[in-house]
Amino acid sequence: MDLDKISKLIGIIVIIAIAKYIWNLIFKKTNTSIISDHGLEILEDPDKKKQLRKAVDEYHETGDWNETQLKSIV
């Protein structure tokens, strides 16, 4: 093979690789979770949700996490 044919073959391979990369970017299926399953369970439980809200409010007032209270919730 001469150098011209090899460079054309490499060019075609690069074009195919770029096209595949773009294809994968466009049709990428991702699962974006903003909150974990465990966190969702806590927020769906009315009692735990109230406890968590109280802990967050306390943090906003004091600026210090009460880890014992937070650990008992989660």
Protein backbone atom coordinates (compact mmCIF):
# COMPACT_ATOMS: atom_id res chain seq x y z
CA MET A 1 0.00 0.00 0.00
CA ASP A 2 1.24 3.41 -0.73
CA LEU A 3 1.14 6.33 1.68
CA ASP A 4 -1.89 7.95 -0.02
CA LYS A 5 -4.11 4.89 0.52
CA ILE A 6 -3.03 4.58 4.16
CA SER A 7 -3.79 8.24 4.87
CA LYS A 8 -7.23 7.91 3.23
CA LEU A 9 -7.97 4.80 5.32
CA ILE A 10 -6.94 6.58 8.53
CA GLY A 11 -9.10 9.58 7.54
CA ILE A 12 -12.14 7.35 6.99
CA ILE A 13 -11.59 5.62 10.35
CA VAL A 14 -11.33 9.00 12.10
CA ILE A 15 -14.52 10.25 10.44
CA ILE A 16 -16.38 7.09 11.49
CA ALA A 17 -15.06 7.41 15.05
CA ILE A 18 -16.16 11.06 15.28
CA ALA A 19 -19.59 10.23 13.86
CA LYS A 20 -20.02 7.41 16.40
CA TYR A 21 -18.93 9.71 19.23
CA ILE A 22 -21.45 12.37 18.20
CA TRP A 23 -24.16 9.72 17.78
CA ASN A 24 -23.50 8.46 21.32
CA LEU A 25 -23.62 12.00 22.71
CA ILE A 26 -26.97 12.69 21.07
CA PHE A 27 -28.66 9.42 22.00
CA LYS A 28 -27.04 8.83 25.38
CA LYS A 29 -29.50 7.47 27.88
CA THR A 30 -28.72 8.65 31.37
CA ASN A 31 -30.45 8.24 34.64
CA THR A 32 -30.15 11.50 36.47
CA SER A 33 -31.12 11.16 40.10
CA ILE A 34 -31.25 14.34 42.10
CA ILE A 35 -32.08 12.52 45.33
CA SER A 36 -31.21 9.01 46.45
CA ASP A 37 -33.84 6.33 46.97
CA HIS A 38 -33.19 6.45 50.71
CA GLY A 39 -33.64 10.22 50.75
CA LEU A 40 -36.88 9.89 48.82
CA GLU A 41 -38.16 7.37 51.37
CA ILE A 42 -37.43 9.85 54.16
CA LEU A 43 -39.23 12.66 52.36
CA GLU A 44 -42.26 10.45 51.68
CA ASP A 45 -42.61 9.60 55.39
CA PRO A 46 -44.48 12.54 56.99
CA ASP A 47 -42.94 12.04 60.47
CA LYS A 48 -39.37 11.81 59.20
CA LYS A 49 -39.95 14.75 56.89
CA LYS A 50 -41.03 16.90 59.86
CA GLN A 51 -37.99 15.76 61.87
CA LEU A 52 -35.69 16.57 58.98
CA ARG A 53 -37.26 20.00 58.50
CA LYS A 54 -36.79 20.69 62.21
CA ALA A 55 -33.12 19.64 62.01
CA VAL A 56 -32.53 21.86 58.96
CA ASP A 57 -34.26 24.81 60.63
CA GLU A 58 -32.11 24.30 63.71
CA TYR A 59 -29.00 24.24 61.53
CA HIS A 60 -30.05 27.51 59.89
CA GLU A 61 -30.47 29.11 63.31
CA THR A 62 -27.30 27.78 64.95
CA GLY A 63 -25.00 26.98 62.02
CA ASP A 64 -24.08 23.67 63.66
CA TRP A 65 -25.45 20.26 62.73
CA ASN A 66 -26.81 18.28 65.59
CA GLU A 67 -25.47 14.96 64.29
CA THR A 68 -27.30 12.85 66.85
CA GLN A 69 -30.64 14.20 65.74
CA LEU A 70 -29.75 13.96 62.06
CA LYS A 71 -28.49 10.38 62.39
CA SER A 72 -31.68 9.33 64.12
CA ILE A 73 -33.66 10.61 61.13
CA VAL A 74 -31.58 9.00 58.42
